[in-house]
């Protein structure tokens, strides 16, 4: 195992450990709160899995675990994961952070899921991701993930009235406003996807220059 692969696995391992810890802790906190209000653990699990933040952090922790165990994953998978976890951090900072003030363990878990892990995951892709492999053909696949989440979230909300985020609450704001919000988030995904592809090209060029100088 070379130094680069070892460093990649070390950072991936740190991200995976933080991710699995934060995910487990978040479920424990949610289950405790839900049962204290008379709900069930199953109800807590259904709510837990209804958040894009949780699902994307599960994906991130799984990808990072695979990198530790196998040395790497498909370039389009890691890039798509990086895009989604970056959006998690951005949307939380721009829209959701001011809506509540977590304390104690919840504050720590909140910081890990929305701040620390997104930054570290993007850093891992930027430093160790495979270069010159992803392209425009991957964008529809990357956008399929948030689109599928949106469809399921709105369908579930129509059935039981629960929406994971205020900007998706069709019951309160109506579908026209929710559609506008969804289009804005889709545009953010598309812009970041284009930026990811562009950055990949720049990093690939830098790597080639450094390689030619050292040879």
C-alpha atoms as a PDB file:
ATOM      1  CA  UNK A   1       0.000   0.000   0.000  1.00  0.00           C
ATOM      2  CA  UNK A   2       1.463   3.353  -1.058  1.00  0.00           C
ATOM      3  CA  UNK A   3       1.502   6.494   1.028  1.00  0.00           C
ATOM      4  CA  UNK A   4      -1.316   8.100  -0.950  1.00  0.00           C
ATOM      5  CA  UNK A   5      -3.634   5.127  -0.524  1.00  0.00           C
ATOM      6  CA  UNK A   6      -2.759   4.881   3.158  1.00  0.00           C
ATOM      7  CA  UNK A   7      -3.534   8.565   3.651  1.00  0.00           C
ATOM      8  CA  UNK A   8      -6.789   8.178   1.723  1.00  0.00           C
ATOM      9  CA  UNK A   9      -7.862   5.281   3.904  1.00  0.00           C
ATOM     10  CA  UNK A  10      -6.853   7.125   7.073  1.00  0.00           C
ATOM     11  CA  UNK A  11      -8.990  10.170   6.258  1.00  0.00           C
ATOM     12  CA  UNK A  12     -11.839   7.976   5.012  1.00  0.00           C
ATOM     13  CA  UNK A  13     -11.666   5.997   8.238  1.00  0.00           C
ATOM     14  CA  UNK A  14     -11.922   9.160  10.324  1.00  0.00           C
ATOM     15  CA  UNK A  15     -14.921  10.344   8.304  1.00  0.00           C
ATOM     16  CA  UNK A  16     -16.596   6.928   8.569  1.00  0.00           C
ATOM     17  CA  UNK A  17     -16.101   6.766  12.347  1.00  0.00           C
ATOM     18  CA  UNK A  18     -17.456  10.262  12.845  1.00  0.00           C
ATOM     19  CA  UNK A  19     -20.335   9.526  10.499  1.00  0.00           C
ATOM     20  CA  UNK A  20     -21.445   6.272  12.111  1.00  0.00           C
ATOM     21  CA  UNK A  21     -21.112   7.794  15.572  1.00  0.00           C
ATOM     22  CA  UNK A  22     -23.179  10.857  14.638  1.00  0.00           C
ATOM     23  CA  UNK A  23     -25.823   8.752  12.888  1.00  0.00           C
ATOM     24  CA  UNK A  24     -26.172   6.359  15.823  1.00  0.00           C
ATOM     25  CA  UNK A  25     -26.264   9.210  18.310  1.00  0.00           C
ATOM     26  CA  UNK A  26     -28.880  11.085  16.267  1.00  0.00           C
ATOM     27  CA  UNK A  27     -31.128   8.046  16.180  1.00  0.00           C
ATOM     28  CA  UNK A  28     -30.731   7.517  19.927  1.00  0.00           C
ATOM     29  CA  UNK A  29     -31.613  11.152  20.609  1.00  0.00           C
ATOM     30  CA  UNK A  30     -34.618  11.065  18.285  1.00  0.00           C
ATOM     31  CA  UNK A  31     -35.872   7.742  19.670  1.00  0.00           C
ATOM     32  CA  UNK A  32     -35.572   9.046  23.225  1.00  0.00           C
ATOM     33  CA  UNK A  33     -37.495  12.211  22.371  1.00  0.00           C
ATOM     34  CA  UNK A  34     -40.147  10.335  20.417  1.00  0.00           C
ATOM     35  CA  UNK A  35     -40.838   7.730  23.101  1.00  0.00           C
ATOM     36  CA  UNK A  36     -40.898  10.429  25.786  1.00  0.00           C
ATOM     37  CA  UNK A  37     -43.776  12.008  23.841  1.00  0.00           C
ATOM     38  CA  UNK A  38     -45.637   8.699  23.692  1.00  0.00           C
ATOM     39  CA  UNK A  39     -44.393   7.585  20.294  1.00  0.00           C
ATOM     40  CA  UNK A  40     -42.641   4.370  19.325  1.00  0.00           C
ATOM     41  CA  UNK A  41     -39.121   3.458  18.279  1.00  0.00           C
ATOM     42  CA  UNK A  42     -40.535   2.394  14.905  1.00  0.00           C
ATOM     43  CA  UNK A  43     -42.080   5.823  14.501  1.00  0.00           C
ATOM     44  CA  UNK A  44     -38.737   7.393  15.349  1.00  0.00           C
ATOM     45  CA  UNK A  45     -37.020   5.190  12.754  1.00  0.00           C
ATOM     46  CA  UNK A  46     -39.497   6.207  10.045  1.00  0.00           C
ATOM     47  CA  UNK A  47     -38.946   9.875  10.843  1.00  0.00           C
ATOM     48  CA  UNK A  48     -35.169   9.385  11.034  1.00  0.00           C
ATOM     49  CA  UNK A  49     -35.055   7.859   7.563  1.00  0.00           C
ATOM     50  CA  UNK A  50     -37.218  10.666   6.205  1.00  0.00           C
ATOM     51  CA  UNK A  51     -34.430  13.253   6.293  1.00  0.00           C
ATOM     52  CA  UNK A  52     -32.156  13.882   3.326  1.00  0.00           C
ATOM     53  CA  UNK A  53     -29.407  14.762   5.811  1.00  0.00           C
ATOM     54  CA  UNK A  54     -29.582  11.338   7.430  1.00  0.00           C
ATOM     55  CA  UNK A  55     -29.810   9.397   4.172  1.00  0.00           C
ATOM     56  CA  UNK A  56     -26.912  11.305   2.630  1.00  0.00           C
ATOM     57  CA  UNK A  57     -24.769  10.887   5.728  1.00  0.00           C
ATOM     58  CA  UNK A  58     -25.564   7.164   5.642  1.00  0.00           C
ATOM     59  CA  UNK A  59     -24.364   7.119   2.040  1.00  0.00           C
ATOM     60  CA  UNK A  60     -21.240   9.070   2.964  1.00  0.00           C
ATOM     61  CA  UNK A  61     -20.370   6.814   5.889  1.00  0.00           C
ATOM     62  CA  UNK A  62     -20.908   3.749   3.694  1.00  0.00           C
ATOM     63  CA  UNK A  63     -18.724   5.087   0.871  1.00  0.00           C
ATOM     64  CA  UNK A  64     -15.967   6.034   3.289  1.00  0.00           C
ATOM     65  CA  UNK A  65     -16.155   2.615   4.923  1.00  0.00           C
ATOM     66  CA  UNK A  66     -15.833   1.007   1.480  1.00  0.00           C
ATOM     67  CA  UNK A  67     -12.749   3.119   0.761  1.00  0.00           C
ATOM     68  CA  UNK A  68     -11.189   1.908   4.005  1.00  0.00           C
ATOM     69  CA  UNK A  69     -11.948  -1.727   3.225  1.00  0.00           C
ATOM     70  CA  UNK A  70     -11.345  -1.750  -0.538  1.00  0.00           C
ATOM     71  CA  UNK A  71      -9.061   1.211  -1.144  1.00  0.00           C
ATOM     72  CA  UNK A  72     -11.562   3.044  -3.326  1.00  0.00           C
ATOM     73  CA  UNK A  73     -15.004   3.183  -4.931  1.00  0.00           C
ATOM     74  CA  UNK A  74     -16.358   4.117  -8.359  1.00  0.00           C
ATOM     75  CA  UNK A  75     -15.456   7.712  -9.200  1.00  0.00           C
ATOM     76  CA  UNK A  76     -19.031   8.678 -10.082  1.00  0.00           C
ATOM     77  CA  UNK A  77     -20.286   7.262  -6.768  1.00  0.00           C
ATOM     78  CA  UNK A  78     -17.834   9.253  -4.666  1.00  0.00           C
ATOM     79  CA  UNK A  79     -18.383  12.401  -6.712  1.00  0.00           C
ATOM     80  CA  UNK A  80     -22.173  12.076  -6.437  1.00  0.00           C
ATOM     81  CA  UNK A  81     -21.887  11.497  -2.709  1.00  0.00           C
ATOM     82  CA  UNK A  82     -19.610  14.531  -2.416  1.00  0.00           C
ATOM     83  CA  UNK A  83     -22.118  16.663  -4.289  1.00  0.00           C
ATOM     84  CA  UNK A  84     -25.017  15.571  -2.078  1.00  0.00           C
ATOM     85  CA  UNK A  85     -23.213  15.981   1.233  1.00  0.00           C
ATOM     86  CA  UNK A  86     -21.986  19.416   0.125  1.00  0.00           C
ATOM     87  CA  UNK A  87     -25.589  20.445  -0.563  1.00  0.00           C
ATOM     88  CA  UNK A  88     -26.552  19.169   2.901  1.00  0.00           C
ATOM     89  CA  UNK A  89     -24.052  21.544   4.475  1.00  0.00           C
ATOM     90  CA  UNK A  90     -24.943  24.492   2.245  1.00  0.00           C
ATOM     91  CA  UNK A  91     -28.733  24.230   2.617  1.00  0.00           C
ATOM     92  CA  UNK A  92     -28.423  23.801   6.362  1.00  0.00           C
ATOM     93  CA  UNK A  93     -26.204  26.868   6.703  1.00  0.00           C
ATOM     94  CA  UNK A  94     -28.313  29.050   4.388  1.00  0.00           C
ATOM     95  CA  UNK A  95     -31.832  27.978   5.349  1.00  0.00           C
ATOM     96  CA  UNK A  96     -32.121  25.770   8.420  1.00  0.00           C
ATOM     97  CA  UNK A  97     -29.422  26.726  10.920  1.00  0.00           C
ATOM     98  CA  UNK A  98     -31.322  29.688  12.339  1.00  0.00           C
ATOM     99  CA  UNK A  99     -34.541  27.711  12.863  1.00  0.00           C
ATOM    100  CA  UNK A 100     -33.367  26.010  16.046  1.00  0.00           C
ATOM    101  CA  UNK A 101     -30.648  26.125  18.685  1.00  0.00           C
ATOM    102  CA  UNK A 102     -29.579  22.581  19.668  1.00  0.00           C
ATOM    103  CA  UNK A 103     -27.742  22.035  22.936  1.00  0.00           C
ATOM    104  CA  UNK A 104     -25.702  19.277  24.561  1.00  0.00           C
ATOM    105  CA  UNK A 105     -25.255  16.093  22.573  1.00  0.00           C
ATOM    106  CA  UNK A 106     -27.665  17.314  19.919  1.00  0.00           C
ATOM    107  CA  UNK A 107     -25.437  20.314  19.231  1.00  0.00           C
ATOM    108  CA  UNK A 108     -22.422  18.037  18.738  1.00  0.00           C
ATOM    109  CA  UNK A 109     -24.310  15.643  16.473  1.00  0.00           C
ATOM    110  CA  UNK A 110     -25.758  18.542  14.529  1.00  0.00           C
ATOM    111  CA  UNK A 111     -22.288  19.975  13.905  1.00  0.00           C
ATOM    112  CA  UNK A 112     -20.933  16.606  12.782  1.00  0.00           C
ATOM    113  CA  UNK A 113     -23.753  15.838  10.343  1.00  0.00           C
ATOM    114  CA  UNK A 114     -24.047  19.308   8.819  1.00  0.00           C
ATOM    115  CA  UNK A 115     -20.590  20.852   9.108  1.00  0.00           C
ATOM    116  CA  UNK A 116     -17.686  18.550   9.913  1.00  0.00           C
ATOM    117  CA  UNK A 117     -18.542  15.547   7.749  1.00  0.00           C
ATOM    118  CA  UNK A 118     -19.482  17.597   4.645  1.00  0.00           C
ATOM    119  CA  UNK A 119     -16.193  19.526   4.821  1.00  0.00           C
ATOM    120  CA  UNK A 120     -14.098  16.391   5.367  1.00  0.00           C
ATOM    121  CA  UNK A 121     -15.910  14.452   2.630  1.00  0.00           C
ATOM    122  CA  UNK A 122     -15.354  17.232   0.094  1.00  0.00           C
ATOM    123  CA  UNK A 123     -11.710  17.426   1.165  1.00  0.00           C
ATOM    124  CA  UNK A 124     -11.288  13.676   0.668  1.00  0.00           C
ATOM    125  CA  UNK A 125     -12.673  13.862  -2.861  1.00  0.00           C
ATOM    126  CA  UNK A 126     -10.535  16.903  -3.708  1.00  0.00           C
ATOM    127  CA  UNK A 127      -7.342  15.298  -2.435  1.00  0.00           C
ATOM    128  CA  UNK A 128      -7.798  11.606  -3.217  1.00  0.00           C
ATOM    129  CA  UNK A 129     -10.655  11.279  -5.731  1.00  0.00           C
ATOM    130  CA  UNK A 130      -9.980   9.676  -9.102  1.00  0.00           C
ATOM    131  CA  UNK A 131      -9.405  12.372 -11.712  1.00  0.00           C
ATOM    132  CA  UNK A 132     -10.620  12.758 -15.301  1.00  0.00           C
ATOM    133  CA  UNK A 133     -13.239  10.027 -14.921  1.00  0.00           C
ATOM    134  CA  UNK A 134     -16.466  11.890 -14.114  1.00  0.00           C
ATOM    135  CA  UNK A 135     -18.262  13.971 -16.742  1.00  0.00           C
ATOM    136  CA  UNK A 136     -21.547  15.490 -17.860  1.00  0.00           C
ATOM    137  CA  UNK A 137     -22.998  12.013 -18.422  1.00  0.00           C
ATOM    138  CA  UNK A 138     -22.960  11.543 -14.630  1.00  0.00           C
ATOM    139  CA  UNK A 139     -25.079  14.601 -13.822  1.00  0.00           C
ATOM    140  CA  UNK A 140     -28.501  12.947 -14.468  1.00  0.00           C
ATOM    141  CA  UNK A 141     -27.554  10.115 -12.118  1.00  0.00           C
ATOM    142  CA  UNK A 142     -26.425  12.555  -9.437  1.00  0.00           C
ATOM    143  CA  UNK A 143     -29.677  14.522  -9.749  1.00  0.00           C
ATOM    144  CA  UNK A 144     -31.786  11.350  -9.629  1.00  0.00           C
ATOM    145  CA  UNK A 145     -31.018  10.921  -5.922  1.00  0.00           C
ATOM    146  CA  UNK A 146     -32.447  14.251  -4.644  1.00  0.00           C
ATOM    147  CA  UNK A 147     -35.301  14.002  -7.150  1.00  0.00           C
ATOM    148  CA  UNK A 148     -36.297  10.573  -5.812  1.00  0.00           C
ATOM    149  CA  UNK A 149     -36.106  11.913  -2.259  1.00  0.00           C
ATOM    150  CA  UNK A 150     -38.361  14.847  -3.165  1.00  0.00           C
ATOM    151  CA  UNK A 151     -40.988  12.592  -4.743  1.00  0.00           C
ATOM    152  CA  UNK A 152     -41.043  10.243  -1.758  1.00  0.00           C
ATOM    153  CA  UNK A 153     -41.080  13.117   0.772  1.00  0.00           C
ATOM    154  CA  UNK A 154     -44.021  14.832  -0.935  1.00  0.00           C
ATOM    155  CA  UNK A 155     -45.910  11.549  -1.331  1.00  0.00           C
ATOM    156  CA  UNK A 156     -45.407  10.743   2.331  1.00  0.00           C
ATOM    157  CA  UNK A 157     -46.438  14.240   3.359  1.00  0.00           C
ATOM    158  CA  UNK A 158     -49.617  13.960   1.317  1.00  0.00           C
ATOM    159  CA  UNK A 159     -50.463  10.764   3.196  1.00  0.00           C
ATOM    160  CA  UNK A 160     -49.554  11.551   6.814  1.00  0.00           C
ATOM    161  CA  UNK A 161     -48.940  15.317   6.800  1.00  0.00           C
ATOM    162  CA  UNK A 162     -45.284  15.066   7.877  1.00  0.00           C
ATOM    163  CA  UNK A 163     -42.652  16.913   5.872  1.00  0.00           C
ATOM    164  CA  UNK A 164     -38.942  16.678   6.746  1.00  0.00           C
ATOM    165  CA  UNK A 165     -38.131  20.339   6.033  1.00  0.00           C
ATOM    166  CA  UNK A 166     -40.155  23.563   6.184  1.00  0.00           C
ATOM    167  CA  UNK A 167     -39.430  24.448   2.552  1.00  0.00           C
ATOM    168  CA  UNK A 168     -41.096  21.178   1.473  1.00  0.00           C
ATOM    169  CA  UNK A 169     -44.233  21.650   3.576  1.00  0.00           C
ATOM    170  CA  UNK A 170     -46.892  21.576   0.874  1.00  0.00           C
ATOM    171  CA  UNK A 171     -49.583  21.424   3.535  1.00  0.00           C
ATOM    172  CA  UNK A 172     -48.614  24.859   4.836  1.00  0.00           C
ATOM    173  CA  UNK A 173     -47.302  26.634   1.740  1.00  0.00           C
ATOM    174  CA  UNK A 174     -48.940  24.805  -1.164  1.00  0.00           C
ATOM    175  CA  UNK A 175     -47.371  22.876  -4.023  1.00  0.00           C
ATOM    176  CA  UNK A 176     -46.583  25.958  -6.111  1.00  0.00           C
ATOM    177  CA  UNK A 177     -44.182  27.337  -3.506  1.00  0.00           C
ATOM    178  CA  UNK A 178     -42.753  23.897  -2.763  1.00  0.00           C
ATOM    179  CA  UNK A 179     -42.124  23.387  -6.484  1.00  0.00           C
ATOM    180  CA  UNK A 180     -40.342  26.729  -6.637  1.00  0.00           C
ATOM    181  CA  UNK A 181     -38.187  25.734  -3.677  1.00  0.00           C
ATOM    182  CA  UNK A 182     -37.459  22.358  -5.258  1.00  0.00           C
ATOM    183  CA  UNK A 183     -36.417  23.987  -8.528  1.00  0.00           C
ATOM    184  CA  UNK A 184     -34.086  26.329  -6.635  1.00  0.00           C
ATOM    185  CA  UNK A 185     -32.438  23.396  -4.869  1.00  0.00           C
ATOM    186  CA  UNK A 186     -32.199  21.491  -8.159  1.00  0.00           C
ATOM    187  CA  UNK A 187     -30.488  24.513  -9.685  1.00  0.00           C
ATOM    188  CA  UNK A 188     -28.037  24.500  -6.764  1.00  0.00           C
ATOM    189  CA  UNK A 189     -27.337  20.816  -7.394  1.00  0.00           C
ATOM    190  CA  UNK A 190     -26.781  21.489 -11.101  1.00  0.00           C
ATOM    191  CA  UNK A 191     -24.430  24.434 -10.488  1.00  0.00           C
ATOM    192  CA  UNK A 192     -22.429  22.469  -7.940  1.00  0.00           C
ATOM    193  CA  UNK A 193     -22.318  19.448 -10.264  1.00  0.00           C
ATOM    194  CA  UNK A 194     -20.867  21.627 -13.019  1.00  0.00           C
ATOM    195  CA  UNK A 195     -18.402  23.096 -10.516  1.00  0.00           C
ATOM    196  CA  UNK A 196     -17.397  19.602  -9.403  1.00  0.00           C
ATOM    197  CA  UNK A 197     -16.676  18.550 -12.977  1.00  0.00           C
ATOM    198  CA  UNK A 198     -14.739  21.759 -13.628  1.00  0.00           C
ATOM    199  CA  UNK A 199     -12.721  21.363 -10.437  1.00  0.00           C
ATOM    200  CA  UNK A 200     -11.993  17.772 -11.394  1.00  0.00           C
ATOM    201  CA  UNK A 201     -10.467  18.976 -14.658  1.00  0.00           C
ATOM    202  CA  UNK A 202      -8.371  21.601 -12.887  1.00  0.00           C
ATOM    203  CA  UNK A 203      -7.097  19.135 -10.288  1.00  0.00           C
ATOM    204  CA  UNK A 204      -6.305  16.601 -13.025  1.00  0.00           C
ATOM    205  CA  UNK A 205      -4.269  19.217 -14.879  1.00  0.00           C
ATOM    206  CA  UNK A 206      -2.355  20.137 -11.725  1.00  0.00           C
ATOM    207  CA  UNK A 207      -1.648  16.465 -11.015  1.00  0.00           C
ATOM    208  CA  UNK A 208      -0.296  15.941 -14.541  1.00  0.00           C
ATOM    209  CA  UNK A 209       1.997  18.947 -14.218  1.00  0.00           C
ATOM    210  CA  UNK A 210       3.356  17.777 -10.888  1.00  0.00           C
ATOM    211  CA  UNK A 211       3.855  14.276 -12.264  1.00  0.00           C
ATOM    212  CA  UNK A 212       5.749  15.552 -15.319  1.00  0.00           C
ATOM    213  CA  UNK A 213       8.042  17.678 -13.168  1.00  0.00           C
ATOM    214  CA  UNK A 214       8.901  14.794 -10.859  1.00  0.00           C
ATOM    215  CA  UNK A 215       9.600  12.361 -13.694  1.00  0.00           C
END
